[in-house]
Amino acid sequence: MRFMKVLSVVAMFVLGLSVLASAGVNSFGVADSQKITFTAPIQVGDQLLPSGDYQVLHSMVGDNHIMAFTQLNTKRPAEARVQCKLVPLQEKAKRTETSYELNASNQRVLQSLTFKGDSARHVF
């Protein structure tokens, strides 16, 4: 009976480690889930997102890389989905970086995102 308990604890531990390992960086060199804070409103694709904290999910739809932005800590979260292109980096990113341009209305338009620890940059 004691052997069965030990075996089940070891099995749960191995299962937990495998789940954590699969939640990390995918085969493209980027994490499937990240968080980012925008300090000012920013246009992502065709959506203007208010400033705030966002959950960012990277997924594949067919051959297309899709990034989904969902605002955190609000009752009515702003959301945006946009296609991205991955550009490999020479080494893993040392910090998270956001680049944007200003449009004719003086609004920030997201151009690229690089997350700390990733091996590729997301370009929009």
Protein backbone atom coordinates (compact mmCIF):
# COMPACT_ATOMS: atom_id res chain seq x y z
CA MET A 1 0.00 0.00 0.00
CA ARG A 2 2.81 2.42 0.86
CA PHE A 3 4.51 1.61 -2.45
CA MET A 4 1.36 2.64 -4.35
CA LYS A 5 1.24 5.98 -2.54
CA VAL A 6 4.89 6.71 -3.33
CA LEU A 7 4.37 5.66 -6.95
CA SER A 8 1.35 7.94 -7.33
CA VAL A 9 3.24 10.92 -5.82
CA VAL A 10 6.16 10.34 -8.20
CA ALA A 11 3.75 10.04 -11.16
CA MET A 12 2.05 13.34 -10.21
CA PHE A 13 5.45 15.03 -9.92
CA VAL A 14 6.53 13.82 -13.37
CA LEU A 15 3.19 14.90 -14.85
CA GLY A 16 3.55 18.35 -13.29
CA LEU A 17 7.06 18.78 -14.68
CA SER A 18 5.94 17.78 -18.16
CA VAL A 19 3.08 20.33 -18.05
CA LEU A 20 5.50 23.07 -16.98
CA ALA A 21 7.96 22.12 -19.71
CA SER A 22 5.28 22.22 -22.41
CA ALA A 23 4.08 25.66 -21.24
CA GLY A 24 7.46 27.23 -21.98
CA VAL A 25 8.97 28.30 -25.28
CA ASN A 26 7.52 26.61 -28.37
CA SER A 27 9.40 25.38 -31.45
CA PHE A 28 9.41 28.92 -32.90
CA GLY A 29 11.52 30.24 -30.02
CA VAL A 30 8.74 32.29 -28.43
CA ALA A 31 6.56 31.68 -25.40
CA ASP A 32 2.89 30.92 -26.08
CA SER A 33 1.76 33.31 -23.34
CA GLN A 34 3.19 36.63 -22.17
CA LYS A 35 2.10 39.77 -20.32
CA ILE A 36 2.77 43.34 -21.36
CA THR A 37 1.86 46.82 -20.13
CA PHE A 38 1.03 49.62 -22.55
CA THR A 39 1.54 53.01 -20.89
CA ALA A 40 -0.53 54.83 -23.53
CA PRO A 41 -3.29 53.81 -25.95
CA ILE A 42 -1.89 51.82 -28.88
CA GLN A 43 -3.34 50.57 -32.13
CA VAL A 44 -2.94 46.82 -32.59
CA GLY A 45 -4.12 45.74 -36.01
CA ASP A 46 -7.38 47.63 -36.54
CA GLN A 47 -8.16 47.99 -32.79
CA LEU A 48 -7.17 50.90 -30.57
CA LEU A 49 -6.35 49.40 -27.16
CA PRO A 50 -6.42 51.59 -24.05
CA SER A 51 -3.37 51.76 -21.81
CA GLY A 52 -3.12 48.97 -19.26
CA ASP A 53 -1.94 45.42 -18.64
CA TYR A 54 -2.53 42.74 -21.29
CA GLN A 55 -2.28 38.98 -21.61
CA VAL A 56 -0.73 38.15 -25.00
CA LEU A 57 -1.26 34.70 -26.51
CA HIS A 58 0.71 33.52 -29.53
CA SER A 59 -0.96 30.77 -31.56
CA MET A 60 -1.00 29.22 -35.00
CA VAL A 61 -4.02 29.25 -37.30
CA GLY A 62 -2.97 27.12 -40.25
CA ASP A 63 0.35 28.60 -41.35
CA ASN A 64 -0.39 32.01 -39.81
CA HIS A 65 1.04 33.28 -36.54
CA ILE A 66 -1.69 35.07 -34.56
CA MET A 67 -1.27 37.22 -31.45
CA ALA A 68 -4.31 37.81 -29.24
CA PHE A 69 -4.24 40.72 -26.77
CA THR A 70 -6.69 40.69 -23.83
CA GLN A 71 -6.78 43.49 -21.27
CA LEU A 72 -6.40 42.37 -17.65
CA ASN A 73 -8.02 43.67 -14.46
CA THR A 74 -11.15 45.15 -16.02
CA LYS A 75 -14.80 44.12 -16.28
CA ARG A 76 -14.97 44.79 -20.04
CA PRO A 77 -11.55 43.86 -21.38
CA ALA A 78 -10.35 45.35 -24.64
CA GLU A 79 -9.23 42.71 -27.12
CA ALA A 80 -7.36 42.57 -30.40
CA ARG A 81 -6.15 39.81 -32.69
CA VAL A 82 -3.45 40.43 -35.26
CA GLN A 83 -1.29 38.36 -37.56
CA CYS A 84 2.44 38.56 -36.95
CA LYS A 85 5.65 37.45 -38.60
CA LEU A 86 8.46 36.00 -36.52
CA VAL A 87 11.94 37.38 -37.15
CA PRO A 88 14.72 35.30 -35.54
CA LEU A 89 17.09 37.06 -33.14
CA GLN A 90 20.84 36.39 -32.93
CA GLU A 91 20.44 35.53 -29.23
CA LYS A 92 17.66 35.38 -26.67
CA ALA A 93 16.20 38.80 -25.91
CA LYS A 94 17.62 40.34 -22.75
CA ARG A 95 14.56 42.58 -22.20
CA THR A 96 11.03 43.15 -23.44
CA GLU A 97 10.80 45.82 -26.13
CA THR A 98 7.88 47.46 -27.93
CA SER A 99 8.28 49.49 -31.10
CA TYR A 100 5.59 51.67 -32.64
CA GLU A 101 5.07 54.47 -35.12
CA LEU A 102 2.78 57.48 -34.85
CA ASN A 103 -0.03 57.66 -37.42
CA ALA A 104 -1.64 60.82 -38.88
CA SER A 105 -3.90 61.05 -35.79
CA ASN A 106 -0.80 61.00 -33.53
CA GLN A 107 -1.76 57.54 -32.20
CA ARG A 108 0.78 54.83 -31.49
CA VAL A 109 0.62 51.95 -33.96
CA LEU A 110 2.32 48.75 -32.80
CA GLN A 111 5.11 47.65 -35.18
CA SER A 112 6.89 44.92 -33.24
CA LEU A 113 7.19 43.18 -29.88
CA THR A 114 10.15 41.36 -28.40
CA PHE A 115 9.71 39.51 -25.12
CA LYS A 116 12.56 38.84 -22.71
CA GLY A 117 13.85 35.29 -23.15
CA ASP A 118 12.37 34.76 -26.62
CA SER A 119 14.50 33.91 -29.67
CA ALA A 120 12.35 35.82 -32.17
CA ARG A 121 10.68 39.21 -32.60
CA HIS A 122 6.98 39.55 -33.47
CA VAL A 123 6.57 41.99 -36.39
CA PHE A 124 3.13 43.34 -37.37
